[in-house]
N, C-alpha and C. Protein backbone atom coordinates (compact mmCIF):
# COMPACT_ATOMS: atom_id res chain seq x y z
N MET A 1 -18.53 36.37 -0.09
CA MET A 1 -18.16 35.93 -2.35
C MET A 1 -16.34 36.11 -2.84
N LYS A 2 -16.57 37.58 -2.54
CA LYS A 2 -15.30 38.77 -3.16
C LYS A 2 -13.81 37.65 -2.92
N LYS A 3 -14.12 37.19 -1.43
CA LYS A 3 -13.17 36.42 -1.00
C LYS A 3 -12.62 35.24 -1.45
N ILE A 4 -13.82 33.82 -2.04
CA ILE A 4 -13.72 32.92 -3.03
C ILE A 4 -13.42 33.00 -4.04
N LEU A 5 -13.76 34.53 -4.71
CA LEU A 5 -13.52 34.34 -6.34
C LEU A 5 -11.97 34.74 -6.02
N ALA A 6 -11.60 35.36 -5.91
CA ALA A 6 -10.06 35.83 -5.07
C ALA A 6 -9.43 35.00 -4.97
N ILE A 7 -10.05 33.64 -4.39
CA ILE A 7 -9.18 32.13 -3.89
C ILE A 7 -8.92 31.76 -5.12
N ILE A 8 -9.99 31.78 -6.40
CA ILE A 8 -9.78 30.91 -7.20
C ILE A 8 -8.66 31.31 -8.36
N ALA A 9 -8.97 33.15 -8.07
CA ALA A 9 -8.28 33.46 -9.61
C ALA A 9 -6.33 33.62 -8.76
N MET A 10 -6.10 33.50 -7.12
CA MET A 10 -4.87 33.06 -7.13
C MET A 10 -4.20 31.23 -7.14
N VAL A 11 -5.92 30.75 -7.26
CA VAL A 11 -5.07 29.63 -7.78
C VAL A 11 -4.68 29.35 -9.11
N ALA A 12 -6.00 29.98 -9.75
CA ALA A 12 -5.15 29.73 -11.33
C ALA A 12 -4.02 30.49 -12.28
N MET A 13 -3.92 31.40 -11.04
CA MET A 13 -2.34 32.42 -11.20
C MET A 13 -1.39 31.88 -10.80
N THR A 14 -1.45 30.17 -9.68
CA THR A 14 -0.04 30.00 -9.29
C THR A 14 -0.01 29.09 -10.01
N LEU A 15 -0.57 28.22 -10.96
CA LEU A 15 -0.75 27.04 -12.06
C LEU A 15 0.52 27.49 -12.68
N PRO A 16 1.39 25.88 -12.65
CA PRO A 16 2.88 26.08 -13.62
C PRO A 16 2.35 26.86 -14.83
N SER A 17 3.11 27.73 -15.66
CA SER A 17 3.03 27.71 -15.94
C SER A 17 3.04 26.93 -17.70
N SER A 18 3.88 25.60 -17.54
CA SER A 18 4.09 24.71 -18.79
C SER A 18 2.78 24.32 -18.79
N ALA A 19 2.21 24.58 -17.76
CA ALA A 19 0.59 24.05 -17.62
C ALA A 19 -0.62 24.58 -18.15
N GLN A 20 -0.61 25.94 -17.96
CA GLN A 20 -1.25 26.97 -18.51
C GLN A 20 -0.82 27.12 -20.13
N GLU A 21 0.34 26.15 -20.83
CA GLU A 21 0.90 26.47 -22.22
C GLU A 21 0.89 25.70 -23.20
N GLY A 22 -0.74 24.18 -23.05
CA GLY A 22 -0.41 23.05 -23.34
C GLY A 22 0.41 22.00 -23.21
N GLY A 23 0.55 21.91 -21.15
CA GLY A 23 0.57 20.89 -21.12
C GLY A 23 2.34 20.16 -20.41
N ILE A 24 2.46 19.01 -19.62
CA ILE A 24 3.24 18.94 -18.87
C ILE A 24 3.33 17.92 -19.74
N ARG A 25 4.86 17.47 -19.94
CA ARG A 25 5.60 16.35 -20.71
C ARG A 25 5.79 15.11 -18.70
N VAL A 26 4.91 14.31 -18.73
CA VAL A 26 5.76 12.51 -18.17
C VAL A 26 6.49 12.20 -18.23
N ASN A 27 7.67 11.99 -18.02
CA ASN A 27 8.66 10.55 -18.43
C ASN A 27 8.52 9.63 -17.21
N TYR A 28 9.05 8.34 -18.08
CA TYR A 28 8.67 7.86 -16.94
C TYR A 28 9.26 6.19 -18.56
N GLN A 29 10.18 5.77 -17.10
CA GLN A 29 10.37 3.97 -18.17
C GLN A 29 9.48 2.77 -17.11
N GLY A 30 9.94 2.38 -18.58
CA GLY A 30 8.69 1.02 -18.03
C GLY A 30 7.15 1.39 -19.02
N ALA A 31 5.93 0.79 -18.63
CA ALA A 31 5.15 0.28 -19.56
C ALA A 31 4.03 1.50 -19.00
N LYS A 32 3.98 2.45 -18.03
CA LYS A 32 2.88 3.37 -17.73
C LYS A 32 3.53 4.07 -16.68
N PRO A 33 2.93 5.25 -16.48
CA PRO A 33 3.71 5.81 -15.10
C PRO A 33 3.65 5.87 -14.20
N THR A 34 3.89 6.11 -13.61
CA THR A 34 3.47 5.70 -11.91
C THR A 34 3.20 7.54 -10.88
N ILE A 35 2.51 6.92 -9.74
CA ILE A 35 2.54 8.26 -8.57
C ILE A 35 4.21 9.38 -9.34
N SER A 36 5.07 8.18 -8.73
CA SER A 36 6.31 9.48 -8.81
C SER A 36 6.75 9.82 -9.63
N ASN A 37 6.29 9.55 -11.17
CA ASN A 37 6.66 10.11 -11.88
C ASN A 37 5.67 11.31 -12.27
N PHE A 38 4.33 10.78 -12.21
CA PHE A 38 3.75 12.32 -11.99
C PHE A 38 3.95 13.75 -11.17
N VAL A 39 4.29 12.78 -10.34
CA VAL A 39 4.54 14.46 -9.18
C VAL A 39 6.70 14.83 -9.50
N THR A 40 6.92 13.98 -9.89
CA THR A 40 8.30 14.76 -10.76
C THR A 40 8.10 15.86 -11.49
N ALA A 41 7.02 15.13 -12.76
CA ALA A 41 6.26 16.02 -13.69
C ALA A 41 6.11 17.30 -13.55
N PHE A 42 4.86 17.40 -12.31
CA PHE A 42 4.37 18.28 -12.00
C PHE A 42 4.87 19.18 -11.25
N LEU A 43 5.83 18.91 -10.44
CA LEU A 43 6.18 19.75 -9.14
C LEU A 43 7.54 20.42 -10.37
N ASN A 44 8.37 19.76 -10.92
CA ASN A 44 9.33 20.16 -11.71
C ASN A 44 9.40 21.42 -13.01
N SER A 45 7.54 20.95 -13.49
CA SER A 45 7.18 22.07 -14.14
C SER A 45 7.88 23.52 -14.63
N ARG A 46 7.94 23.63 -13.01
CA ARG A 46 8.03 25.18 -12.95
C ARG A 46 9.25 25.20 -11.92
N SER A 47 9.63 26.21 -12.01
CA SER A 47 11.45 26.68 -11.77
C SER A 47 11.76 27.52 -11.35
N GLU A 48 12.11 28.42 -10.21
CA GLU A 48 12.60 29.39 -9.14
C GLU A 48 12.28 30.74 -10.44
N GLY A 49 13.09 31.00 -11.32
CA GLY A 49 13.07 31.63 -12.06
C GLY A 49 11.76 32.45 -12.58
N ASP A 50 10.60 31.39 -12.68
CA ASP A 50 9.64 32.08 -12.82
C ASP A 50 8.87 33.16 -12.18
N ASP A 51 7.92 33.57 -12.96
CA ASP A 51 7.81 34.93 -12.41
C ASP A 51 6.27 34.73 -10.93
N ASP A 52 5.77 33.62 -11.42
CA ASP A 52 4.66 32.96 -10.75
C ASP A 52 5.24 32.24 -9.81
N CYS A 53 6.45 31.91 -9.56
CA CYS A 53 6.74 31.01 -8.50
C CYS A 53 6.51 32.09 -7.45
N SER A 54 5.79 32.29 -6.30
CA SER A 54 5.44 32.56 -5.21
C SER A 54 4.59 32.18 -3.91
N ASP A 55 4.35 30.76 -4.30
CA ASP A 55 3.62 29.78 -3.91
C ASP A 55 4.01 28.88 -2.84
N GLU A 56 3.84 29.76 -0.85
CA GLU A 56 5.02 28.92 -0.60
C GLU A 56 4.78 27.57 -0.05
N SER A 57 3.35 27.11 -0.43
CA SER A 57 2.80 26.14 -0.19
C SER A 57 3.81 24.88 -1.47
N PHE A 58 3.72 25.49 -2.77
CA PHE A 58 4.45 25.09 -4.37
C PHE A 58 5.42 24.58 -3.16
N ASN A 59 6.09 25.62 -3.51
CA ASN A 59 7.87 25.43 -3.14
C ASN A 59 8.57 24.58 -1.90
N ALA A 60 7.33 24.97 -1.24
CA ALA A 60 8.03 23.24 0.10
C ALA A 60 8.32 22.33 -0.50
N VAL A 61 6.72 21.53 -0.88
CA VAL A 61 6.81 20.24 -1.72
C VAL A 61 8.16 20.39 -2.05
N GLN A 62 8.37 21.00 -3.45
CA GLN A 62 8.81 21.34 -4.21
C GLN A 62 10.27 20.72 -4.00
N GLN A 63 10.47 21.54 -2.67
CA GLN A 63 11.92 21.43 -2.64
C GLN A 63 12.19 19.99 -1.74
N ALA A 64 11.33 19.88 -0.68
CA ALA A 64 10.94 18.54 -0.22
C ALA A 64 11.39 17.14 -1.21
N TRP A 65 10.48 17.38 -2.09
CA TRP A 65 10.85 16.06 -2.44
C TRP A 65 11.96 16.70 -3.75
N ASN A 66 12.73 17.35 -4.18
CA ASN A 66 13.79 17.18 -5.10
C ASN A 66 14.93 16.39 -4.01
N ASN A 67 14.99 17.23 -2.77
CA ASN A 67 15.11 16.42 -2.06
C ASN A 67 14.81 14.78 -1.00
N HIS A 68 13.92 14.24 -1.61
CA HIS A 68 13.88 13.00 -1.80
C HIS A 68 14.40 12.58 -2.87
N LEU A 69 14.35 12.93 -4.36
CA LEU A 69 14.52 12.22 -5.11
C LEU A 69 16.44 11.94 -5.14
N LYS A 70 16.70 12.86 -4.34
CA LYS A 70 18.18 12.96 -3.98
C LYS A 70 18.81 12.19 -3.26
N GLY A 71 17.62 11.34 -2.25
CA GLY A 71 18.06 10.62 -0.85
C GLY A 71 18.34 11.41 0.63
N LYS A 72 18.02 13.59 0.30
CA LYS A 72 18.41 13.43 1.34
C LYS A 72 17.63 13.74 2.15
N LYS A 73 17.76 14.42 4.28
CA LYS A 73 16.93 14.23 4.35
C LYS A 73 16.29 15.24 4.72
N LEU A 74 14.64 15.30 4.96
CA LEU A 74 13.80 16.42 5.10
C LEU A 74 14.25 17.56 6.27
N MET A 75 13.48 18.01 6.15
CA MET A 75 13.65 19.03 7.38
C MET A 75 12.89 18.39 8.78
N ALA A 76 13.30 18.69 9.69
CA ALA A 76 12.52 17.93 11.14
C ALA A 76 10.87 18.21 10.76
N ASN A 77 10.61 19.12 10.64
CA ASN A 77 8.76 19.14 10.73
C ASN A 77 8.29 18.98 9.42
N GLU A 78 8.91 18.38 8.87
CA GLU A 78 8.79 18.18 7.00
C GLU A 78 8.38 16.53 7.37
N THR A 79 7.15 15.64 6.75
CA THR A 79 7.17 14.58 6.25
C THR A 79 6.43 13.87 5.15
N LEU A 80 7.48 13.18 3.68
CA LEU A 80 6.82 13.05 2.52
C LEU A 80 6.48 11.40 2.80
N ASN A 81 5.43 11.13 2.66
CA ASN A 81 4.92 9.69 2.02
C ASN A 81 4.20 9.32 0.91
N VAL A 82 5.34 8.67 0.27
CA VAL A 82 5.11 8.19 -0.74
C VAL A 82 4.36 6.12 -0.55
N ASP A 83 3.30 6.55 -1.41
CA ASP A 83 2.48 4.82 -1.92
C ASP A 83 2.94 4.67 -3.13
N GLU A 84 3.83 4.10 -3.86
CA GLU A 84 2.79 3.68 -4.96
C GLU A 84 2.27 2.84 -5.39
N LYS A 85 1.84 1.69 -4.76
CA LYS A 85 0.94 0.70 -4.56
C LYS A 85 -0.28 1.89 -5.01
N ASN A 86 -0.99 2.60 -4.13
CA ASN A 86 -2.21 3.04 -4.22
C ASN A 86 -1.66 4.21 -4.83
N GLY A 87 -0.46 4.74 -5.94
CA GLY A 87 -1.03 5.28 -6.15
C GLY A 87 -1.40 7.59 -5.81
N PHE A 88 0.03 7.13 -4.52
CA PHE A 88 -0.80 7.89 -3.38
C PHE A 88 0.35 8.30 -2.88
N VAL A 89 0.65 10.62 -2.99
CA VAL A 89 1.76 11.00 -2.11
C VAL A 89 0.94 11.89 -1.11
N LEU A 90 1.85 11.79 -0.83
CA LEU A 90 1.21 13.21 1.23
C LEU A 90 2.50 13.83 1.71
N TYR A 91 2.86 15.23 1.70
CA TYR A 91 3.55 15.85 2.67
C TYR A 91 2.81 16.83 3.18
N GLU A 92 3.55 16.72 4.15
CA GLU A 92 3.70 17.58 6.00
C GLU A 92 4.72 18.89 6.00
N ILE A 93 4.17 19.74 6.61
CA ILE A 93 5.11 20.83 7.35
C ILE A 93 4.15 21.22 8.20
N LYS A 94 5.10 21.26 9.52
CA LYS A 94 4.24 21.64 10.96
C LYS A 94 4.77 23.07 11.49
N HIS A 95 4.47 23.65 11.82
CA HIS A 95 4.84 24.75 12.59
C HIS A 95 4.23 24.92 13.74
N SER A 96 4.66 24.73 14.97
CA SER A 96 2.70 24.53 15.90
C SER A 96 2.21 24.17 15.73
N GLU A 97 1.31 24.14 16.17
CA GLU A 97 0.15 23.67 16.00
C GLU A 97 -0.50 24.14 14.57
N ASN A 98 0.78 24.21 13.22
CA ASN A 98 -0.12 25.29 12.17
C ASN A 98 0.43 23.86 11.38
N VAL A 99 -0.61 22.93 10.53
CA VAL A 99 -0.29 21.56 9.22
C VAL A 99 -0.55 22.67 7.72
N LEU A 100 0.56 22.05 7.00
CA LEU A 100 0.07 22.49 5.28
C LEU A 100 -0.01 20.62 5.67
N ARG A 101 -0.82 20.66 4.63
CA ARG A 101 -1.13 19.27 3.93
C ARG A 101 -1.49 19.24 2.77
N VAL A 102 0.33 18.47 1.52
CA VAL A 102 -0.50 18.17 0.25
C VAL A 102 -0.62 16.90 -0.10
N GLU A 103 -1.62 16.49 -1.14
CA GLU A 103 -1.91 15.59 -1.91
C GLU A 103 -1.51 15.37 -2.72
N MET A 104 -1.17 14.38 -3.70
CA MET A 104 -1.59 14.41 -4.45
C MET A 104 -1.97 12.68 -5.41
N CYS A 105 -2.76 11.99 -6.03
CA CYS A 105 -2.45 11.51 -5.84
C CYS A 105 -3.48 10.73 -7.73
N TYR A 106 -3.86 9.36 -8.47
CA TYR A 106 -4.41 10.09 -9.74
C TYR A 106 -5.35 8.54 -9.72
N TRP A 107 -6.05 8.96 -11.04
CA TRP A 107 -7.59 7.42 -11.13
C TRP A 107 -6.70 7.31 -12.88
N ASN A 108 -6.88 6.04 -12.82
CA ASN A 108 -6.91 5.30 -14.60
C ASN A 108 -8.46 5.72 -14.66
N GLU A 109 -8.49 6.35 -16.00
CA GLU A 109 -9.67 6.06 -16.39
C GLU A 109 -10.28 4.96 -17.37
N ALA A 110 -11.98 5.08 -16.99
CA ALA A 110 -11.99 4.92 -17.99
C ALA A 110 -12.07 3.37 -19.45
N ASP A 111 -11.59 4.68 -20.32
CA ASP A 111 -10.93 5.00 -21.53
C ASP A 111 -9.94 4.29 -21.64
N GLN A 112 -9.02 3.61 -20.38
CA GLN A 112 -7.98 3.38 -20.75
C GLN A 112 -7.21 4.08 -21.68
N LYS A 113 -7.57 5.09 -22.09
CA LYS A 113 -6.75 6.20 -22.90
C LYS A 113 -5.90 7.69 -21.84
N HIS A 114 -6.78 7.32 -21.14
CA HIS A 114 -6.41 8.76 -20.09
C HIS A 114 -6.04 8.36 -18.59
N LYS A 115 -5.79 9.18 -17.77
CA LYS A 115 -5.61 9.31 -16.12
C LYS A 115 -5.70 10.47 -15.50
N LEU A 116 -6.64 11.02 -14.46
CA LEU A 116 -6.38 12.30 -14.10
C LEU A 116 -5.67 12.08 -12.97
N PHE A 117 -4.62 13.33 -12.68
CA PHE A 117 -4.03 13.69 -11.82
C PHE A 117 -4.87 15.05 -10.87
N ALA A 118 -4.07 14.61 -9.60
CA ALA A 118 -5.01 15.80 -8.36
C ALA A 118 -3.83 16.16 -8.14
N TYR A 119 -4.18 17.53 -7.11
CA TYR A 119 -2.73 18.29 -6.44
C TYR A 119 -3.69 19.32 -5.59
N ASN A 120 -3.81 18.96 -4.33
CA ASN A 120 -4.42 19.28 -3.57
C ASN A 120 -3.38 20.05 -2.06
N VAL A 121 -4.55 21.32 -1.87
CA VAL A 121 -3.28 21.95 -0.51
C VAL A 121 -4.68 21.95 0.33
N GLY A 122 -3.93 21.94 1.09
CA GLY A 122 -5.12 22.80 2.53
C GLY A 122 -4.05 22.92 3.89
N CYS A 123 -4.82 23.66 4.32
CA CYS A 123 -3.88 24.19 5.67
C CYS A 123 -4.73 23.84 6.86
N TYR A 124 -4.33 23.48 7.94
CA TYR A 124 -5.41 23.26 9.25
C TYR A 124 -4.34 23.74 10.00
N GLN A 125 -5.23 23.79 11.84
CA GLN A 125 -4.79 24.77 12.95
C GLN A 125 -5.57 23.65 14.22
N ASN A 126 -4.71 22.98 15.19
CA ASN A 126 -5.39 22.40 15.83
C ASN A 126 -6.58 21.90 15.04
N GLY A 127 -5.66 20.71 14.25
CA GLY A 127 -7.04 19.52 13.79
C GLY A 127 -7.71 20.06 12.93
N LYS A 128 -8.09 21.05 12.80
CA LYS A 128 -9.07 22.37 12.27
C LYS A 128 -8.55 22.38 10.97
N TYR A 129 -9.93 22.85 10.19
CA TYR A 129 -9.24 23.73 8.66
C TYR A 129 -9.13 24.58 8.71
N SER A 130 -8.24 25.44 8.39
CA SER A 130 -7.81 27.11 8.50
C SER A 130 -7.97 27.52 7.56
N ALA A 131 -8.08 28.26 5.98
CA ALA A 131 -8.42 27.90 5.48
C ALA A 131 -6.94 29.13 4.72
N GLY A 132 -5.93 28.93 3.81
CA GLY A 132 -4.75 29.27 3.22
C GLY A 132 -4.89 30.37 2.23
N GLN A 133 -4.17 31.06 1.90
CA GLN A 133 -3.92 31.30 0.98
C GLN A 133 -3.82 30.92 -0.48
N PHE A 134 -2.90 29.95 -0.33
CA PHE A 134 -3.24 28.74 -1.57
C PHE A 134 -3.61 27.40 -1.44
N ASP A 135 -4.48 27.44 -0.54
CA ASP A 135 -5.22 25.66 -0.70
C ASP A 135 -6.16 26.06 -2.06
N GLY A 136 -6.27 24.56 -2.33
CA GLY A 136 -7.50 24.23 -3.59
C GLY A 136 -6.87 23.59 -4.06
N LEU A 137 -8.17 22.56 -4.85
CA LEU A 137 -7.31 21.21 -5.51
C LEU A 137 -7.70 21.53 -6.80
N THR A 138 -6.60 20.83 -7.69
CA THR A 138 -6.56 21.32 -9.22
C THR A 138 -6.70 20.23 -9.91
N PHE A 139 -6.74 20.36 -11.13
CA PHE A 139 -7.11 18.56 -11.75
C PHE A 139 -6.38 18.70 -13.10
N TYR A 140 -5.28 17.79 -13.19
CA TYR A 140 -4.50 17.71 -14.79
C TYR A 140 -5.10 16.05 -15.70
N ARG A 141 -5.27 16.29 -17.05
CA ARG A 141 -6.01 15.29 -17.90
C ARG A 141 -4.42 15.25 -17.94
N TYR A 142 -4.07 13.53 -17.93
CA TYR A 142 -3.30 13.04 -18.63
C TYR A 142 -2.97 11.89 -20.10
N ASN A 143 -3.09 12.79 -20.83
CA ASN A 143 -2.88 11.73 -22.58
C ASN A 143 -2.23 10.27 -22.95
N ASN A 144 -2.53 9.38 -22.88
CA ASN A 144 -1.14 8.86 -23.03
C ASN A 144 -0.99 7.91 -23.78
N ALA A 145 -1.34 8.99 -24.86
CA ALA A 145 -0.10 9.08 -26.61
C ALA A 145 0.49 9.78 -26.98
N THR A 146 0.22 11.08 -26.38
CA THR A 146 1.18 11.97 -25.70
C THR A 146 2.41 12.67 -25.17
N LYS A 147 1.50 11.42 -24.01
CA LYS A 147 2.03 11.19 -22.64
C LYS A 147 2.81 13.15 -21.82
N LYS A 148 1.05 13.77 -22.10
CA LYS A 148 1.44 14.77 -21.57
C LYS A 148 -0.11 15.29 -20.90
N MET A 149 0.15 16.11 -19.43
CA MET A 149 -1.58 16.39 -19.10
C MET A 149 -0.79 17.72 -19.13
N ALA A 150 -2.52 18.35 -18.56
CA ALA A 150 -2.97 19.54 -18.87
C ALA A 150 -4.17 20.22 -17.81
N VAL A 151 -4.15 21.20 -17.29
CA VAL A 151 -5.43 21.45 -16.35
C VAL A 151 -6.34 20.98 -16.63
N THR A 152 -7.48 20.47 -16.36
CA THR A 152 -8.91 20.12 -16.66
C THR A 152 -9.79 20.81 -15.61
N PHE A 153 -10.79 21.05 -16.17
CA PHE A 153 -11.76 21.65 -15.16
C PHE A 153 -12.88 20.54 -15.83
N GLU A 154 -13.09 19.53 -16.77
CA GLU A 154 -14.32 18.54 -16.62
C GLU A 154 -13.86 17.37 -15.52
N THR A 155 -14.44 18.27 -14.18
CA THR A 155 -14.16 16.54 -13.31
C THR A 155 -15.65 15.95 -13.33
N GLY A 156 -16.98 16.72 -14.04
CA GLY A 156 -18.20 16.35 -13.38
C GLY A 156 -18.55 17.22 -12.00
N PHE A 157 -17.86 18.28 -11.80
CA PHE A 157 -18.04 19.07 -9.66
C PHE A 157 -17.32 19.95 -10.25
N ASP A 158 -17.56 21.57 -9.57
CA ASP A 158 -16.91 22.75 -9.49
C ASP A 158 -15.97 22.69 -8.60
N VAL A 159 -15.00 22.49 -7.92
CA VAL A 159 -14.63 23.02 -6.98
C VAL A 159 -14.66 23.98 -6.22
N GLU A 160 -14.98 23.82 -5.35
CA GLU A 160 -15.80 25.15 -4.53
C GLU A 160 -15.20 25.33 -2.85
N TYR A 161 -14.65 27.06 -2.52
CA TYR A 161 -14.14 26.55 -1.28
C TYR A 161 -14.86 26.66 -0.45
N GLY A 162 -16.34 27.99 -0.84
CA GLY A 162 -16.83 28.29 0.64
C GLY A 162 -18.59 28.30 0.02
N THR A 163 -19.33 27.92 1.19
CA THR A 163 -20.71 28.42 0.77
C THR A 163 -21.71 29.37 0.96
N ASP A 164 -22.43 29.64 0.61
CA ASP A 164 -23.60 30.41 0.89
C ASP A 164 -23.59 31.20 1.84
N ASP A 165 -23.87 30.01 2.95
CA ASP A 165 -24.00 29.93 4.36
C ASP A 165 -22.81 30.20 5.58
N GLY A 166 -21.47 30.14 4.58
CA GLY A 166 -20.64 30.73 5.70
C GLY A 166 -19.52 29.88 5.72
N CYS A 167 -19.74 28.54 5.37
CA CYS A 167 -19.03 26.71 5.45
C CYS A 167 -17.69 27.36 4.15
N TRP A 168 -16.55 26.63 4.72
CA TRP A 168 -14.90 26.51 3.95
C TRP A 168 -15.23 25.30 3.93
N ALA A 169 -14.59 24.64 2.61
CA ALA A 169 -15.03 23.36 1.98
C ALA A 169 -12.78 22.88 1.70
N SER A 170 -13.13 21.65 3.02
CA SER A 170 -11.73 21.82 2.74
C SER A 170 -12.14 20.11 1.18
N TYR A 171 -10.48 19.42 0.83
CA TYR A 171 -10.70 17.90 0.25
C TYR A 171 -9.84 17.07 1.02
N ALA A 172 -10.02 16.19 0.78
CA ALA A 172 -9.31 14.86 1.34
C ALA A 172 -9.40 13.77 -0.16
N LEU A 173 -8.13 13.82 -1.07
CA LEU A 173 -8.28 12.71 -1.96
C LEU A 173 -7.52 10.87 -1.40
N PRO A 174 -8.25 10.33 -2.07
CA PRO A 174 -7.97 9.15 -1.69
C PRO A 174 -6.36 8.36 -1.82
N ARG A 175 -6.14 7.77 -0.55
CA ARG A 175 -5.25 6.35 -0.47
C ARG A 175 -5.25 5.47 -0.73
N THR A 176 -6.28 5.02 -0.24
CA THR A 176 -6.81 3.79 -0.68
C THR A 176 -8.83 4.32 -1.31
N GLY A 177 -9.34 3.44 -2.05
CA GLY A 177 -10.41 3.61 -3.09
C GLY A 177 -10.20 4.77 -3.58
N LYS A 178 -10.72 5.05 -4.60
CA LYS A 178 -10.82 6.10 -5.23
C LYS A 178 -11.96 7.56 -5.31
N ASP A 179 -12.71 7.66 -4.14
CA ASP A 179 -13.43 8.14 -4.07
C ASP A 179 -12.88 9.55 -3.31
N ILE A 180 -13.75 11.13 -3.27
CA ILE A 180 -12.70 11.90 -2.20
C ILE A 180 -13.89 12.70 -1.76
N ILE A 181 -13.52 12.84 -0.45
CA ILE A 181 -13.94 13.51 0.83
C ILE A 181 -14.53 14.88 0.52
N VAL A 182 -14.95 15.74 0.71
CA VAL A 182 -15.53 16.86 0.93
C VAL A 182 -16.12 17.02 2.70
N THR A 183 -15.22 18.20 3.24
CA THR A 183 -15.68 18.44 4.50
C THR A 183 -16.06 19.93 4.64
N TYR A 184 -17.60 20.53 4.99
CA TYR A 184 -18.00 21.60 5.09
C TYR A 184 -17.21 21.86 7.09
N TRP A 185 -16.75 22.94 6.63
CA TRP A 185 -16.31 23.60 8.41
C TRP A 185 -17.32 24.90 8.21
N LYS A 186 -17.48 25.55 9.89
CA LYS A 186 -17.99 27.04 10.06
C LYS A 186 -17.55 26.69 11.56
N ASN A 187 -16.87 28.15 11.48
CA ASN A 187 -16.80 28.70 12.98
C ASN A 187 -15.17 27.33 13.12
N SER A 188 -14.50 26.70 12.51
CA SER A 188 -13.34 25.50 12.69
C SER A 188 -14.15 24.62 12.93
N ALA A 189 -15.46 24.45 13.15
CA ALA A 189 -15.95 22.72 13.36
C ALA A 189 -16.73 21.93 12.26
N LYS A 190 -16.47 21.02 12.13
CA LYS A 190 -17.46 19.94 10.95
C LYS A 190 -18.44 20.33 10.71
N LYS A 191 -19.18 20.56 9.48
CA LYS A 191 -19.41 20.23 10.09
C LYS A 191 -21.01 19.48 9.04
N GLN A 192 -20.57 19.74 7.98
CA GLN A 192 -21.48 18.14 7.04
C GLN A 192 -20.00 17.45 6.10
N GLN A 193 -19.93 16.04 5.49
CA GLN A 193 -18.87 15.50 4.64
C GLN A 193 -20.30 15.00 3.72
N LYS A 194 -19.21 15.46 2.67
CA LYS A 194 -19.75 13.98 1.10
C LYS A 194 -19.23 13.39 0.83
N THR A 195 -19.27 13.09 -0.50
CA THR A 195 -18.48 12.16 -0.88
C THR A 195 -18.43 12.04 -2.60
N LEU A 196 -17.24 12.51 -3.66
CA LEU A 196 -17.30 12.50 -4.20
C LEU A 196 -17.06 11.53 -5.27
N LYS A 197 -18.04 10.58 -5.87
CA LYS A 197 -17.96 9.33 -5.98
C LYS A 197 -17.11 9.06 -7.93
N TRP A 198 -16.07 8.55 -7.90
CA TRP A 198 -15.57 8.40 -9.25
C TRP A 198 -16.07 7.77 -9.92
N GLN A 199 -16.16 8.32 -11.49
CA GLN A 199 -17.16 7.09 -12.15
C GLN A 199 -16.77 6.95 -14.09
N GLY A 200 -14.92 6.84 -13.50
CA GLY A 200 -14.61 5.91 -14.52
C GLY A 200 -13.72 6.86 -15.43
N SER A 201 -14.50 8.74 -15.07
CA SER A 201 -13.44 9.76 -16.11
C SER A 201 -14.14 11.06 -14.89
N LYS A 202 -15.07 11.32 -13.98
CA LYS A 202 -15.79 12.01 -12.92
C LYS A 202 -16.10 11.78 -12.10
N PHE A 203 -16.72 12.75 -11.41
CA PHE A 203 -17.21 12.55 -9.99
C PHE A 203 -18.99 13.25 -10.00
N SER A 204 -19.59 12.23 -9.03
CA SER A 204 -20.53 12.64 -8.26
C SER A 204 -20.70 12.72 -7.22
N PHE A 205 -21.32 13.26 -6.68
CA PHE A 205 -22.22 13.47 -4.94
C PHE A 205 -23.49 11.99 -5.34
């Protein structure tokens, strides 16, 4: 349990500083922001000069995204999939049998006044979940009126990274559909999966 609490604290400390201080502005052209607008705003909300810029996973996807925007090639062991239609971005970087997977997506809320943006980090080894130091799922609620998004914990469930019986939890954001899949792992093997169903502003099992 102490390890789980330490991970939660680490995730909180490594949130972009602007997100903690009142919101991240999302700049866009047209009638509404796209997933690329959300990703650009989020990843550029923290610069290399920030004291908390020690999250290697964040730094990797930030650099890859900026290269993507500039039309530059990614490294040979990197892939970046940008699905504007489905509002989903997937970044992966591989080192031997190890894979860092970063997902980002958003949901339109039922009140038509807000959107929910998610940033999810997971490490895998030989296709099995291997919890890393900066793994975690965080949410940001975007306000259409202010054009800003800020960290939110009002999502209908508590993000858990481990269970009392020794399982680790990994999350998979939806590229299609709206639900989140939670997978529980014990001794690197899948033990159980649950579905977090989207309810218009929050999720429920």
